[in-house]
PDB file of all heavy atoms in Angstrom:
ATOM      1  N   ARG A   1       6.632  -4.919   3.088  1.00  0.00           N
ATOM      2  CA  ARG A   1       6.893  -5.568   4.369  1.00  0.00           C
ATOM      3  C   ARG A   1       7.901  -6.624   4.243  1.00  0.00           C
ATOM      4  O   ARG A   1       8.106  -7.197   3.202  1.00  0.00           O
ATOM      5  CB  ARG A   1       5.597  -6.116   5.012  1.00  0.00           C
ATOM      6  CG  ARG A   1       5.020  -7.312   4.209  1.00  0.00           C
ATOM      7  CD  ARG A   1       3.675  -7.718   4.824  1.00  0.00           C
ATOM      8  NE  ARG A   1       3.092  -8.849   4.162  1.00  0.00           N
ATOM      9  CZ  ARG A   1       1.894  -9.330   4.394  1.00  0.00           C
ATOM     10  NH1 ARG A   1       1.080  -8.733   5.318  1.00  0.00           N
ATOM     11  NH2 ARG A   1       1.414 -10.388   3.762  1.00  0.00           N
ATOM     12  N   GLN A   2       8.601  -6.889   5.345  1.00  0.00           N
ATOM     13  CA  GLN A   2       9.643  -7.921   5.325  1.00  0.00           C
ATOM     14  C   GLN A   2       9.525  -8.698   6.647  1.00  0.00           C
ATOM     15  O   GLN A   2       9.732  -8.128   7.753  1.00  0.00           O
ATOM     16  CB  GLN A   2      11.023  -7.311   5.207  1.00  0.00           C
ATOM     17  CG  GLN A   2      12.161  -8.349   5.075  1.00  0.00           C
ATOM     18  CD  GLN A   2      13.443  -7.727   4.608  1.00  0.00           C
ATOM     19  OE1 GLN A   2      13.675  -6.538   4.781  1.00  0.00           O
ATOM     20  NE2 GLN A   2      14.310  -8.554   4.027  1.00  0.00           N
ATOM     21  N   ALA A   3       9.265  -9.990   6.534  1.00  0.00           N
ATOM     22  CA  ALA A   3       9.204 -10.886   7.646  1.00  0.00           C
ATOM     23  C   ALA A   3      10.564 -11.538   7.887  1.00  0.00           C
ATOM     24  O   ALA A   3      11.356 -11.612   6.958  1.00  0.00           O
ATOM     25  CB  ALA A   3       8.120 -11.961   7.445  1.00  0.00           C
ATOM     26  N   PRO A   4      10.812 -12.025   9.072  1.00  0.00           N
ATOM     27  CA  PRO A   4      12.100 -12.714   9.356  1.00  0.00           C
ATOM     28  C   PRO A   4      12.367 -13.851   8.356  1.00  0.00           C
ATOM     29  O   PRO A   4      11.507 -14.703   8.159  1.00  0.00           O
ATOM     30  CB  PRO A   4      11.921 -13.219  10.787  1.00  0.00           C
ATOM     31  CG  PRO A   4      10.939 -12.319  11.375  1.00  0.00           C
ATOM     32  CD  PRO A   4       9.956 -11.982  10.290  1.00  0.00           C
ATOM     33  N   GLY A   5      13.550 -13.851   7.794  1.00  0.00           N
ATOM     34  CA  GLY A   5      13.951 -14.892   6.878  1.00  0.00           C
ATOM     35  C   GLY A   5      13.382 -14.794   5.484  1.00  0.00           C
ATOM     36  O   GLY A   5      13.559 -15.675   4.654  1.00  0.00           O
ATOM     37  N   LYS A   6      12.642 -13.706   5.196  1.00  0.00           N
ATOM     38  CA  LYS A   6      12.010 -13.558   3.902  1.00  0.00           C
ATOM     39  C   LYS A   6      12.447 -12.231   3.231  1.00  0.00           C
ATOM     40  O   LYS A   6      12.970 -11.345   3.946  1.00  0.00           O
ATOM     41  CB  LYS A   6      10.475 -13.547   3.992  1.00  0.00           C
ATOM     42  CG  LYS A   6       9.868 -14.833   4.497  1.00  0.00           C
ATOM     43  CD  LYS A   6       8.345 -14.730   4.468  1.00  0.00           C
ATOM     44  CE  LYS A   6       7.819 -14.601   3.073  1.00  0.00           C
ATOM     45  NZ  LYS A   6       6.330 -14.575   3.083  1.00  0.00           N
ATOM     46  N   GLU A   7      12.324 -12.180   1.923  1.00  0.00           N
ATOM     47  CA  GLU A   7      12.615 -10.965   1.194  1.00  0.00           C
ATOM     48  C   GLU A   7      11.509  -9.964   1.390  1.00  0.00           C
ATOM     49  O   GLU A   7      10.390 -10.306   1.723  1.00  0.00           O
ATOM     50  CB  GLU A   7      12.856 -11.268  -0.271  1.00  0.00           C
ATOM     51  CG  GLU A   7      14.069 -12.137  -0.533  1.00  0.00           C
ATOM     52  CD  GLU A   7      14.313 -12.305  -2.038  1.00  0.00           C
ATOM     53  OE1 GLU A   7      13.429 -11.955  -2.845  1.00  0.00           O
ATOM     54  OE2 GLU A   7      15.420 -12.776  -2.411  1.00  0.00           O
ATOM     55  N   ARG A   8      11.823  -8.701   1.150  1.00  0.00           N
ATOM     56  CA  ARG A   8      10.825  -7.665   1.201  1.00  0.00           C
ATOM     57  C   ARG A   8       9.777  -7.898   0.138  1.00  0.00           C
ATOM     58  O   ARG A   8      10.160  -8.164  -1.055  1.00  0.00           O
ATOM     59  CB  ARG A   8      11.549  -6.277   1.056  1.00  0.00           C
ATOM     60  CG  ARG A   8      10.614  -5.133   1.237  1.00  0.00           C
ATOM     61  CD  ARG A   8      11.427  -3.817   1.241  1.00  0.00           C
ATOM     62  NE  ARG A   8      12.378  -3.764   2.319  1.00  0.00           N
ATOM     63  CZ  ARG A   8      13.212  -2.731   2.570  1.00  0.00           C
ATOM     64  NH1 ARG A   8      13.160  -1.664   1.762  1.00  0.00           N
ATOM     65  NH2 ARG A   8      14.068  -2.808   3.565  1.00  0.00           N
ATOM     66  N   GLU A   9       8.509  -7.705   0.460  1.00  0.00           N
ATOM     67  CA  GLU A   9       7.478  -7.993  -0.485  1.00  0.00           C
ATOM     68  C   GLU A   9       6.519  -6.760  -0.579  1.00  0.00           C
ATOM     69  O   GLU A   9       6.334  -6.040   0.388  1.00  0.00           O
ATOM     70  CB  GLU A   9       6.671  -9.209  -0.161  1.00  0.00           C
ATOM     71  CG  GLU A   9       5.895  -9.166   1.131  1.00  0.00           C
ATOM     72  CD  GLU A   9       4.997 -10.336   1.350  1.00  0.00           C
ATOM     73  OE1 GLU A   9       4.747 -11.065   0.379  1.00  0.00           O
ATOM     74  OE2 GLU A   9       4.585 -10.571   2.529  1.00  0.00           O
ATOM     75  N   PHE A  10       5.924  -6.586  -1.732  1.00  0.00           N
ATOM     76  CA  PHE A  10       4.989  -5.529  -1.981  1.00  0.00           C
ATOM     77  C   PHE A  10       3.655  -5.774  -1.275  1.00  0.00           C
ATOM     78  O   PHE A  10       3.197  -6.932  -1.207  1.00  0.00           O
ATOM     79  CB  PHE A  10       4.751  -5.399  -3.496  1.00  0.00           C
ATOM     80  CG  PHE A  10       3.555  -4.510  -3.839  1.00  0.00           C
ATOM     81  CD1 PHE A  10       3.666  -3.165  -3.849  1.00  0.00           C
ATOM     82  CD2 PHE A  10       2.346  -5.087  -4.191  1.00  0.00           C
ATOM     83  CE1 PHE A  10       2.588  -2.345  -4.175  1.00  0.00           C
ATOM     84  CE2 PHE A  10       1.279  -4.331  -4.516  1.00  0.00           C
ATOM     85  CZ  PHE A  10       1.377  -2.939  -4.497  1.00  0.00           C
ATOM     86  N   VAL A  11       3.067  -4.717  -0.712  1.00  0.00           N
ATOM     87  CA  VAL A  11       1.771  -4.806  -0.004  1.00  0.00           C
ATOM     88  C   VAL A  11       0.712  -4.033  -0.736  1.00  0.00           C
ATOM     89  O   VAL A  11      -0.338  -4.549  -1.119  1.00  0.00           O
ATOM     90  CB  VAL A  11       1.895  -4.350   1.453  1.00  0.00           C
ATOM     91  CG1 VAL A  11       0.543  -4.339   2.097  1.00  0.00           C
ATOM     92  CG2 VAL A  11       2.896  -5.207   2.232  1.00  0.00           C
ATOM     93  N   ALA A  12       0.933  -2.764  -0.961  1.00  0.00           N
ATOM     94  CA  ALA A  12      -0.046  -1.873  -1.576  1.00  0.00           C
ATOM     95  C   ALA A  12       0.608  -0.634  -2.142  1.00  0.00           C
ATOM     96  O   ALA A  12       1.658  -0.221  -1.668  1.00  0.00           O
ATOM     97  CB  ALA A  12      -1.133  -1.507  -0.629  1.00  0.00           C
ATOM     98  N   ARG A  13      -0.024   0.039  -3.109  1.00  0.00           N
ATOM     99  CA  ARG A  13       0.477   1.286  -3.622  1.00  0.00           C
ATOM    100  C   ARG A  13      -0.710   2.173  -3.916  1.00  0.00           C
ATOM    101  O   ARG A  13      -1.839   1.713  -4.173  1.00  0.00           O
ATOM    102  CB  ARG A  13       1.402   1.103  -4.842  1.00  0.00           C
ATOM    103  CG  ARG A  13       0.707   0.620  -6.099  1.00  0.00           C
ATOM    104  CD  ARG A  13       1.593   0.707  -7.274  1.00  0.00           C
ATOM    105  NE  ARG A  13       0.883   0.314  -8.500  1.00  0.00           N
ATOM    106  CZ  ARG A  13       1.089  -0.798  -9.166  1.00  0.00           C
ATOM    107  NH1 ARG A  13       1.891  -1.733  -8.672  1.00  0.00           N
ATOM    108  NH2 ARG A  13       0.404  -1.062 -10.280  1.00  0.00           N
ATOM    109  N   ILE A  14      -0.430   3.481  -4.039  1.00  0.00           N
ATOM    110  CA  ILE A  14      -1.445   4.461  -4.405  1.00  0.00           C
ATOM    111  C   ILE A  14      -0.814   5.522  -5.162  1.00  0.00           C
ATOM    112  O   ILE A  14       0.281   6.013  -4.870  1.00  0.00           O
ATOM    113  CB  ILE A  14      -2.163   4.979  -3.160  1.00  0.00           C
ATOM    114  CG1 ILE A  14      -3.348   5.887  -3.570  1.00  0.00           C
ATOM    115  CG2 ILE A  14      -1.197   5.718  -2.244  1.00  0.00           C
ATOM    116  CD1 ILE A  14      -4.242   6.234  -2.376  1.00  0.00           C
ATOM    117  N   SER A  15      -1.478   6.009  -6.284  1.00  0.00           N
ATOM    118  CA  SER A  15      -0.963   7.147  -7.038  1.00  0.00           C
ATOM    119  C   SER A  15      -1.296   8.417  -6.295  1.00  0.00           C
ATOM    120  O   SER A  15      -2.405   8.557  -5.760  1.00  0.00           O
ATOM    121  CB  SER A  15      -1.519   7.127  -8.482  1.00  0.00           C
ATOM    122  OG  SER A  15      -2.960   7.305  -8.429  1.00  0.00           O
ATOM    123  N   TRP A  16      -0.349   9.340  -6.230  1.00  0.00           N
ATOM    124  CA  TRP A  16      -0.546  10.489  -5.445  1.00  0.00           C
ATOM    125  C   TRP A  16      -1.603  11.456  -6.004  1.00  0.00           C
ATOM    126  O   TRP A  16      -2.327  12.101  -5.288  1.00  0.00           O
ATOM    127  CB  TRP A  16       0.793  11.262  -5.311  1.00  0.00           C
ATOM    128  CG  TRP A  16       0.812  12.128  -4.107  1.00  0.00           C
ATOM    129  CD1 TRP A  16       1.035  13.495  -4.112  1.00  0.00           C
ATOM    130  CD2 TRP A  16       0.656  11.738  -2.753  1.00  0.00           C
ATOM    131  NE1 TRP A  16       0.981  13.956  -2.793  1.00  0.00           N
ATOM    132  CE2 TRP A  16       0.778  12.897  -1.950  1.00  0.00           C
ATOM    133  CE3 TRP A  16       0.464  10.482  -2.105  1.00  0.00           C
ATOM    134  CZ2 TRP A  16       0.641  12.870  -0.565  1.00  0.00           C
ATOM    135  CZ3 TRP A  16       0.301  10.441  -0.748  1.00  0.00           C
ATOM    136  CH2 TRP A  16       0.425  11.611   0.007  1.00  0.00           C
ATOM    137  N   SER A  17      -1.694  11.559  -7.331  1.00  0.00           N
ATOM    138  CA  SER A  17      -2.623  12.452  -7.971  1.00  0.00           C
ATOM    139  C   SER A  17      -4.069  11.876  -8.050  1.00  0.00           C
ATOM    140  O   SER A  17      -5.012  12.478  -7.554  1.00  0.00           O
ATOM    141  CB  SER A  17      -2.135  12.846  -9.365  1.00  0.00           C
ATOM    142  OG  SER A  17      -3.026  13.730 -10.018  1.00  0.00           O
ATOM    143  N   GLY A  18      -4.174  10.722  -8.643  1.00  0.00           N
ATOM    144  CA  GLY A  18      -5.505  10.187  -8.872  1.00  0.00           C
ATOM    145  C   GLY A  18      -6.038   9.260  -7.841  1.00  0.00           C
ATOM    146  O   GLY A  18      -7.252   8.905  -7.813  1.00  0.00           O
ATOM    147  N   GLY A  19      -5.168   8.742  -6.956  1.00  0.00           N
ATOM    148  CA  GLY A  19      -5.590   7.878  -5.889  1.00  0.00           C
ATOM    149  C   GLY A  19      -5.847   6.435  -6.313  1.00  0.00           C
ATOM    150  O   GLY A  19      -6.505   5.695  -5.606  1.00  0.00           O
ATOM    151  N   THR A  20      -5.364   6.046  -7.470  1.00  0.00           N
ATOM    152  CA  THR A  20      -5.504   4.685  -7.945  1.00  0.00           C
ATOM    153  C   THR A  20      -4.715   3.746  -7.027  1.00  0.00           C
ATOM    154  O   THR A  20      -3.574   3.979  -6.725  1.00  0.00           O
ATOM    155  CB  THR A  20      -5.028   4.539  -9.375  1.00  0.00           C
ATOM    156  OG1 THR A  20      -5.735   5.433 -10.268  1.00  0.00           O
ATOM    157  CG2 THR A  20      -5.191   3.104  -9.867  1.00  0.00           C
ATOM    158  N   THR A  21      -5.366   2.618  -6.631  1.00  0.00           N
ATOM    159  CA  THR A  21      -4.785   1.718  -5.688  1.00  0.00           C
ATOM    160  C   THR A  21      -4.540   0.363  -6.290  1.00  0.00           C
ATOM    161  O   THR A  21      -5.206  -0.039  -7.274  1.00  0.00           O
ATOM    162  CB  THR A  21      -5.617   1.567  -4.402  1.00  0.00           C
ATOM    163  OG1 THR A  21      -6.900   1.099  -4.768  1.00  0.00           O
ATOM    164  CG2 THR A  21      -5.777   2.888  -3.746  1.00  0.00           C
ATOM    165  N   TYR A  22      -3.605  -0.388  -5.728  1.00  0.00           N
ATOM    166  CA  TYR A  22      -3.292  -1.716  -6.138  1.00  0.00           C
ATOM    167  C   TYR A  22      -2.792  -2.495  -4.944  1.00  0.00           C
ATOM    168  O   TYR A  22      -2.032  -1.941  -4.145  1.00  0.00           O
ATOM    169  CB  TYR A  22      -2.257  -1.759  -7.250  1.00  0.00           C
ATOM    170  CG  TYR A  22      -1.969  -3.132  -7.796  1.00  0.00           C
ATOM    171  CD1 TYR A  22      -2.845  -3.695  -8.672  1.00  0.00           C
ATOM    172  CD2 TYR A  22      -0.847  -3.832  -7.398  1.00  0.00           C
ATOM    173  CE1 TYR A  22      -2.579  -4.998  -9.193  1.00  0.00           C
ATOM    174  CE2 TYR A  22      -0.603  -5.110  -7.877  1.00  0.00           C
ATOM    175  CZ  TYR A  22      -1.469  -5.681  -8.780  1.00  0.00           C
ATOM    176  OH  TYR A  22      -1.204  -6.934  -9.269  1.00  0.00           O
ATOM    177  N   TYR A  23      -3.236  -3.751  -4.775  1.00  0.00           N
ATOM    178  CA  TYR A  23      -2.908  -4.512  -3.611  1.00  0.00           C
ATOM    179  C   TYR A  23      -2.340  -5.871  -3.940  1.00  0.00           C
ATOM    180  O   TYR A  23      -2.700  -6.445  -4.956  1.00  0.00           O
ATOM    181  CB  TYR A  23      -4.173  -4.772  -2.724  1.00  0.00           C
ATOM    182  CG  TYR A  23      -4.803  -3.469  -2.195  1.00  0.00           C
ATOM    183  CD1 TYR A  23      -5.807  -2.840  -2.920  1.00  0.00           C
ATOM    184  CD2 TYR A  23      -4.404  -2.973  -0.961  1.00  0.00           C
ATOM    185  CE1 TYR A  23      -6.384  -1.710  -2.434  1.00  0.00           C
ATOM    186  CE2 TYR A  23      -5.005  -1.821  -0.477  1.00  0.00           C
ATOM    187  CZ  TYR A  23      -5.949  -1.200  -1.196  1.00  0.00           C
ATOM    188  OH  TYR A  23      -6.567  -0.059  -0.698  1.00  0.00           O
ATOM    189  N   ALA A  24      -1.490  -6.367  -3.084  1.00  0.00           N
ATOM    190  CA  ALA A  24      -1.058  -7.761  -3.194  1.00  0.00           C
ATOM    191  C   ALA A  24      -2.225  -8.643  -2.859  1.00  0.00           C
ATOM    192  O   ALA A  24      -3.109  -8.336  -2.017  1.00  0.00           O
ATOM    193  CB  ALA A  24       0.062  -8.021  -2.216  1.00  0.00           C
ATOM    194  N   ASP A  25      -2.270  -9.810  -3.488  1.00  0.00           N
ATOM    195  CA  ASP A  25      -3.377 -10.728  -3.279  1.00  0.00           C
ATOM    196  C   ASP A  25      -3.525 -11.126  -1.807  1.00  0.00           C
ATOM    197  O   ASP A  25      -4.626 -11.391  -1.277  1.00  0.00           O
ATOM    198  CB  ASP A  25      -3.196 -12.033  -4.100  1.00  0.00           C
ATOM    199  CG  ASP A  25      -3.432 -11.765  -5.576  1.00  0.00           C
ATOM    200  OD1 ASP A  25      -4.068 -10.721  -5.942  1.00  0.00           O
ATOM    201  OD2 ASP A  25      -2.993 -12.608  -6.394  1.00  0.00           O
ATOM    202  N   SER A  26      -2.444 -11.176  -1.067  1.00  0.00           N
ATOM    203  CA  SER A  26      -2.422 -11.661   0.324  1.00  0.00           C
ATOM    204  C   SER A  26      -3.169 -10.691   1.237  1.00  0.00           C
ATOM    205  O   SER A  26      -3.560 -11.127   2.326  1.00  0.00           O
ATOM    206  CB  SER A  26      -0.979 -11.883   0.768  1.00  0.00           C
ATOM    207  OG  SER A  26      -0.252 -10.657   0.669  1.00  0.00           O
ATOM    208  N   VAL A  27      -3.326  -9.455   0.828  1.00  0.00           N
ATOM    209  CA  VAL A  27      -3.934  -8.472   1.728  1.00  0.00           C
ATOM    210  C   VAL A  27      -5.207  -7.886   1.134  1.00  0.00           C
ATOM    211  O   VAL A  27      -5.898  -7.109   1.833  1.00  0.00           O
ATOM    212  CB  VAL A  27      -2.984  -7.297   2.053  1.00  0.00           C
ATOM    213  CG1 VAL A  27      -1.675  -7.821   2.635  1.00  0.00           C
ATOM    214  CG2 VAL A  27      -2.711  -6.428   0.840  1.00  0.00           C
ATOM    215  N   LYS A  28      -5.555  -8.222  -0.075  1.00  0.00           N
ATOM    216  CA  LYS A  28      -6.748  -7.708  -0.745  1.00  0.00           C
ATOM    217  C   LYS A  28      -7.967  -8.012   0.062  1.00  0.00           C
ATOM    218  O   LYS A  28      -8.242  -9.132   0.468  1.00  0.00           O
ATOM    219  CB  LYS A  28      -6.825  -8.307  -2.143  1.00  0.00           C
ATOM    220  CG  LYS A  28      -7.713  -7.544  -3.118  1.00  0.00           C
ATOM    221  CD  LYS A  28      -7.595  -8.084  -4.546  1.00  0.00           C
ATOM    222  CE  LYS A  28      -6.131  -7.971  -5.019  1.00  0.00           C
ATOM    223  NZ  LYS A  28      -5.975  -8.480  -6.422  1.00  0.00           N
ATOM    224  N   GLY A  29      -8.811  -6.990   0.258  1.00  0.00           N
ATOM    225  CA  GLY A  29     -10.022  -7.110   1.038  1.00  0.00           C
ATOM    226  C   GLY A  29      -9.860  -6.869   2.525  1.00  0.00           C
ATOM    227  O   GLY A  29     -10.838  -6.736   3.230  1.00  0.00           O
ATOM    228  N   ARG A  30      -8.600  -6.861   2.985  1.00  0.00           N
ATOM    229  CA  ARG A  30      -8.334  -6.652   4.397  1.00  0.00           C
ATOM    230  C   ARG A  30      -7.635  -5.332   4.672  1.00  0.00           C
ATOM    231  O   ARG A  30      -7.864  -4.691   5.705  1.00  0.00           O
ATOM    232  CB  ARG A  30      -7.466  -7.794   4.973  1.00  0.00           C
ATOM    233  CG  ARG A  30      -8.107  -9.151   4.882  1.00  0.00           C
ATOM    234  CD  ARG A  30      -7.271 -10.188   5.603  1.00  0.00           C
ATOM    235  NE  ARG A  30      -5.967 -10.357   5.000  1.00  0.00           N
ATOM    236  CZ  ARG A  30      -4.841 -10.177   5.702  1.00  0.00           C
ATOM    237  NH1 ARG A  30      -4.850  -9.809   6.977  1.00  0.00           N
ATOM    238  NH2 ARG A  30      -3.674 -10.356   5.060  1.00  0.00           N
ATOM    239  N   PHE A  31      -6.727  -4.928   3.777  1.00  0.00           N
ATOM    240  CA  PHE A  31      -5.982  -3.705   3.915  1.00  0.00           C
ATOM    241  C   PHE A  31      -6.514  -2.632   3.000  1.00  0.00           C
ATOM    242  O   PHE A  31      -6.955  -2.926   1.855  1.00  0.00           O
ATOM    243  CB  PHE A  31      -4.501  -3.927   3.603  1.00  0.00           C
ATOM    244  CG  PHE A  31      -3.755  -4.771   4.577  1.00  0.00           C
ATOM    245  CD1 PHE A  31      -4.405  -5.487   5.618  1.00  0.00           C
ATOM    246  CD2 PHE A  31      -2.372  -4.900   4.521  1.00  0.00           C
ATOM    247  CE1 PHE A  31      -3.724  -6.309   6.481  1.00  0.00           C
ATOM    248  CE2 PHE A  31      -1.649  -5.673   5.413  1.00  0.00           C
ATOM    249  CZ  PHE A  31      -2.298  -6.378   6.373  1.00  0.00           C
ATOM    250  N   THR A  32      -6.401  -1.396   3.407  1.00  0.00           N
ATOM    251  CA  THR A  32      -6.791  -0.263   2.594  1.00  0.00           C
ATOM    252  C   THR A  32      -5.706   0.827   2.644  1.00  0.00           C
ATOM    253  O   THR A  32      -5.348   1.269   3.722  1.00  0.00           O
ATOM    254  CB  THR A  32      -8.115   0.352   3.024  1.00  0.00           C
ATOM    255  OG1 THR A  32      -9.137  -0.619   2.984  1.00  0.00           O
ATOM    256  CG2 THR A  32      -8.525   1.501   2.106  1.00  0.00           C
ATOM    257  N   ILE A  33      -5.213   1.205   1.501  1.00  0.00           N
ATOM    258  CA  ILE A  33      -4.236   2.299   1.426  1.00  0.00           C
ATOM    259  C   ILE A  33      -4.964   3.585   1.047  1.00  0.00           C
ATOM    260  O   ILE A  33      -5.895   3.583   0.207  1.00  0.00           O
ATOM    261  CB  ILE A  33      -3.084   1.989   0.439  1.00  0.00           C
ATOM    262  CG1 ILE A  33      -1.994   3.047   0.534  1.00  0.00           C
ATOM    263  CG2 ILE A  33      -3.586   1.841  -0.978  1.00  0.00           C
ATOM    264  CD1 ILE A  33      -0.738   2.660  -0.287  1.00  0.00           C
ATOM    265  N   SER A  34      -4.576   4.693   1.646  1.00  0.00           N
ATOM    266  CA  SER A  34      -5.161   5.928   1.362  1.00  0.00           C
ATOM    267  C   SER A  34      -4.152   7.049   1.518  1.00  0.00           C
ATOM    268  O   SER A  34      -3.072   6.814   2.070  1.00  0.00           O
ATOM    269  CB  SER A  34      -6.410   6.230   2.263  1.00  0.00           C
ATOM    270  OG  SER A  34      -6.072   6.228   3.624  1.00  0.00           O
ATOM    271  N   ARG A  35      -4.506   8.241   1.085  1.00  0.00           N
ATOM    272  CA  ARG A  35      -3.527   9.341   1.257  1.00  0.00           C
ATOM    273  C   ARG A  35      -4.295  10.660   1.535  1.00  0.00           C
ATOM    274  O   ARG A  35      -5.426  10.834   1.186  1.00  0.00           O
ATOM    275  CB  ARG A  35      -2.669   9.525  -0.003  1.00  0.00           C
ATOM    276  CG  ARG A  35      -3.245  10.350  -1.096  1.00  0.00           C
ATOM    277  CD  ARG A  35      -4.149   9.560  -1.988  1.00  0.00           C
ATOM    278  NE  ARG A  35      -4.407  10.198  -3.289  1.00  0.00           N
ATOM    279  CZ  ARG A  35      -5.569  10.754  -3.665  1.00  0.00           C
ATOM    280  NH1 ARG A  35      -6.605  10.744  -2.810  1.00  0.00           N
ATOM    281  NH2 ARG A  35      -5.660  11.332  -4.812  1.00  0.00           N
ATOM    282  N   ASP A  36      -3.578  11.568   2.229  1.00  0.00           N
ATOM    283  CA  ASP A  36      -4.023  12.910   2.520  1.00  0.00           C
ATOM    284  C   ASP A  36      -2.976  13.813   1.911  1.00  0.00           C
ATOM    285  O   ASP A  36      -1.909  14.041   2.510  1.00  0.00           O
ATOM    286  CB  ASP A  36      -4.177  13.109   4.028  1.00  0.00           C
ATOM    287  CG  ASP A  36      -4.788  14.476   4.364  1.00  0.00           C
ATOM    288  OD1 ASP A  36      -4.638  15.443   3.528  1.00  0.00           O
ATOM    289  OD2 ASP A  36      -5.390  14.605   5.447  1.00  0.00           O
ATOM    290  N   ASN A  37      -3.246  14.310   0.718  1.00  0.00           N
ATOM    291  CA  ASN A  37      -2.243  15.115  -0.004  1.00  0.00           C
ATOM    292  C   ASN A  37      -1.845  16.368   0.749  1.00  0.00           C
ATOM    293  O   ASN A  37      -0.691  16.776   0.710  1.00  0.00           O
ATOM    294  CB  ASN A  37      -2.784  15.461  -1.406  1.00  0.00           C
ATOM    295  CG  ASN A  37      -3.016  14.307  -2.268  1.00  0.00           C
ATOM    296  OD1 ASN A  37      -3.539  13.250  -1.881  1.00  0.00           O
ATOM    297  ND2 ASN A  37      -2.562  14.398  -3.530  1.00  0.00           N
ATOM    298  N   ALA A  38      -2.822  17.003   1.427  1.00  0.00           N
ATOM    299  CA  ALA A  38      -2.554  18.216   2.146  1.00  0.00           C
ATOM    300  C   ALA A  38      -1.570  17.981   3.283  1.00  0.00           C
ATOM    301  O   ALA A  38      -0.798  18.878   3.644  1.00  0.00           O
ATOM    302  CB  ALA A  38      -3.875  18.801   2.688  1.00  0.00           C
ATOM    303  N   LYS A  39      -1.550  16.799   3.836  1.00  0.00           N
ATOM    304  CA  LYS A  39      -0.677  16.478   4.950  1.00  0.00           C
ATOM    305  C   LYS A  39       0.519  15.681   4.486  1.00  0.00           C
ATOM    306  O   LYS A  39       1.387  15.292   5.329  1.00  0.00           O
ATOM    307  CB  LYS A  39      -1.402  15.672   6.015  1.00  0.00           C
ATOM    308  CG  LYS A  39      -2.536  16.434   6.662  1.00  0.00           C
ATOM    309  CD  LYS A  39      -3.237  15.602   7.754  1.00  0.00           C
ATOM    310  CE  LYS A  39      -4.289  16.351   8.454  1.00  0.00           C
ATOM    311  NZ  LYS A  39      -4.968  15.573   9.508  1.00  0.00           N
ATOM    312  N   ASN A  40       0.648  15.428   3.190  1.00  0.00           N
ATOM    313  CA  ASN A  40       1.749  14.648   2.663  1.00  0.00           C
ATOM    314  C   ASN A  40       1.896  13.296   3.416  1.00  0.00           C
ATOM    315  O   ASN A  40       3.001  12.904   3.760  1.00  0.00           O
ATOM    316  CB  ASN A  40       3.072  15.430   2.714  1.00  0.00           C
ATOM    317  CG  ASN A  40       3.113  16.585   1.729  1.00  0.00           C
ATOM    318  OD1 ASN A  40       2.595  16.490   0.597  1.00  0.00           O
ATOM    319  ND2 ASN A  40       3.635  17.729   2.155  1.00  0.00           N
ATOM    320  N   THR A  41       0.776  12.648   3.629  1.00  0.00           N
ATOM    321  CA  THR A  41       0.758  11.456   4.406  1.00  0.00           C
ATOM    322  C   THR A  41      -0.013  10.340   3.707  1.00  0.00           C
ATOM    323  O   THR A  41      -1.048  10.608   3.126  1.00  0.00           O
ATOM    324  CB  THR A  41       0.118  11.759   5.787  1.00  0.00           C
ATOM    325  OG1 THR A  41       0.906  12.725   6.476  1.00  0.00           O
ATOM    326  CG2 THR A  41       0.117  10.457   6.634  1.00  0.00           C
ATOM    327  N   VAL A  42       0.508   9.155   3.781  1.00  0.00           N
ATOM    328  CA  VAL A  42      -0.165   7.962   3.297  1.00  0.00           C
ATOM    329  C   VAL A  42      -0.440   7.048   4.457  1.00  0.00           C
ATOM    330  O   VAL A  42       0.326   6.990   5.416  1.00  0.00           O
ATOM    331  CB  VAL A  42       0.652   7.249   2.228  1.00  0.00           C
ATOM    332  CG1 VAL A  42       1.966   6.717   2.777  1.00  0.00           C
ATOM    333  CG2 VAL A  42      -0.157   6.153   1.526  1.00  0.00           C
TER     334      VAL A  42
END
């Protein structure tokens, strides 16, 4: 994400095969990343 006047920052990621997730501290516990491999959608 990128807010006005700020650099782009990492929010969350997920591995496509195993589904391993990682979150920025600022969103941990509030945001959830997921994927649907059949639909090629995150």
